Amino acid sequence: MNTSVHPLPASGGLRRSLFDWAFALIVVCAAGWAFNAHGAGMDIYERGILAMAVPSLIALGWFWGPLRVLMLAAGLTALGAMALYMRVTDDYGADLAQADKVFWLKYFLSSQSAILWMSVLFFMSTVFYWLGLLNKGGTGIRLGSRMAWVGVFMALVGTLVRWFESHQIAPDIGHIPVSNLYEVFVLFSWMTTLFWLYYEDRFARAGQSLKSLGAFVMLVVSAAVGFLLWYAVERGASEIQPLVPALQSWWMKLHVPANFIGYGTFSMSAMVAFAYLVKHHAGETRWWKLAPLWLVGVVLCFEPLVFRAKPGAEQAVSSYWAVYFGIAALVVAGIVGARRKIAEQLPALDVLDDVMYKAIAVGFAFFTIATILGALWAAEAWGGYWSWDPKETWALIVWLNYAAWLHMRLMKGLRGTFAAWWALSGLLVTSFAFLGVNMFLSGLHSYGQL
């Protein structure tokens, strides 16, 4: 059976609109302003990154139109927030205390406020996606999609403003906000959501609606946001900290984002695989055939067994994670219980299979690039390209897992439930490489420990 799906259409063509060229001009001017304002503090590598960012951002905006509006809106809003921080004194500069005094900063545009809004919007997006899916109506799904877009917007604003805030604390503290677990969980959340929105939009242009899949993809984003909020409150991780020596490198600006494109798309593929299995088992009534679907509960609910209360506390599991565990278990039970109704709203199995493949292919490409960049960074920081550090070892395991999946897909025609189970179990491997190594193992990457 031919399970191929029509390729995604190109965005636009060789002819460019006036808005395309205006967008390109704005990007060039913004880069020129950044170089003029901060070029003196950049080394040759950072200047090279800034130069490469210009054609890259223009190409992305031309490739997918909605990104132009998103980038312009987030950039202008972040500039507005920065202006609110500025104060006119003899030594003109930013006053970070304004974050608690100025209404717009306090409630919307400081980095912590914007990231909190991101978290709320992603939770709401997940709820509306599921309401739309279960009610067989488009309104809830449309609201879920729009809230996801606004959540990505607030995440970008929060990230840009946090970058600005870090430079105002002290010259040697300022850094791109991808240096610790708090910052990379923000990165993971908005990047995974943005990739999903891309697939949602591009398949719709090809005449194939994927919107109901958003209910599944946003579950993993909400799980990440749940950890992010706990980590910020329990560990005070939202405070900007100086970089450890190993992270004081321009390589971080390239390696970490590429890595998290991989993590995000691998996670997305796992949730699409879960949707595939739900649809495949929609008519199944034998409990032993349905039991494997409960493995997803292990992925969603394992955190309470790990993030225990502080040493000396009476309870084994904190109240936060007990509630988290209960909600996650109910969600998994509800999905399996309502599988017939859910399956009716999901795309065809061949479409789900194609989305799963495309997500893994994109993630594998970027994860490969990130691994190479990480090796080059390690050679500069520690004197060797590879040291079998636990993080490096598990990154290799992740790479081999998806390399094998793609090999079996391309060479042996891997399809169906086996491919879906493999992609879903890949989330366990990816989660351990992303988070588990930081919790259970130590090594050269111990700066990311909980």
Foldseek 3Di string as FASTA:
>chain_A
DDLDDDDFDWQDDPDDDPVLVVLLVVLVVVLVVCCVVCVVVDDPVVNVVSVVVSVVLSVVCRRDVVSSVLVVVLVVLLVVVLVQQWDDDPPTDGHPVSCCPDPCNVQDQALVNLLVLLLVLLVQLLVLLVVCLLVVHCPSLVSSLVSLSVSLSSLSSSQSNVLVVQCRVDVQQRDRQLQALLSVLSVLLNLLSVVVSVVQVRVVVVVFHASSLCNQLSVVSNLSSLVNVCCCPVVVVVDRDGHDPLPPDPLCVQQRSLLSLLLSLLSSLLSLLLLLVLLVCLPPDDVVVLVVSCVVLCVQQVVQVQPADDPPDDDRGDPSSVVSSVVSNVVSVVCNVCSNSSSVSGTDSSVSFVSSVVSLVSSLVSLVVSLQSCLVSCCVRPVGSDDVWVLNVLSVVLNVLSVVLVCCCVPVVDGDSVSSVSSNVSNVSSCCSSAVCLDPHDDPPVVHHD
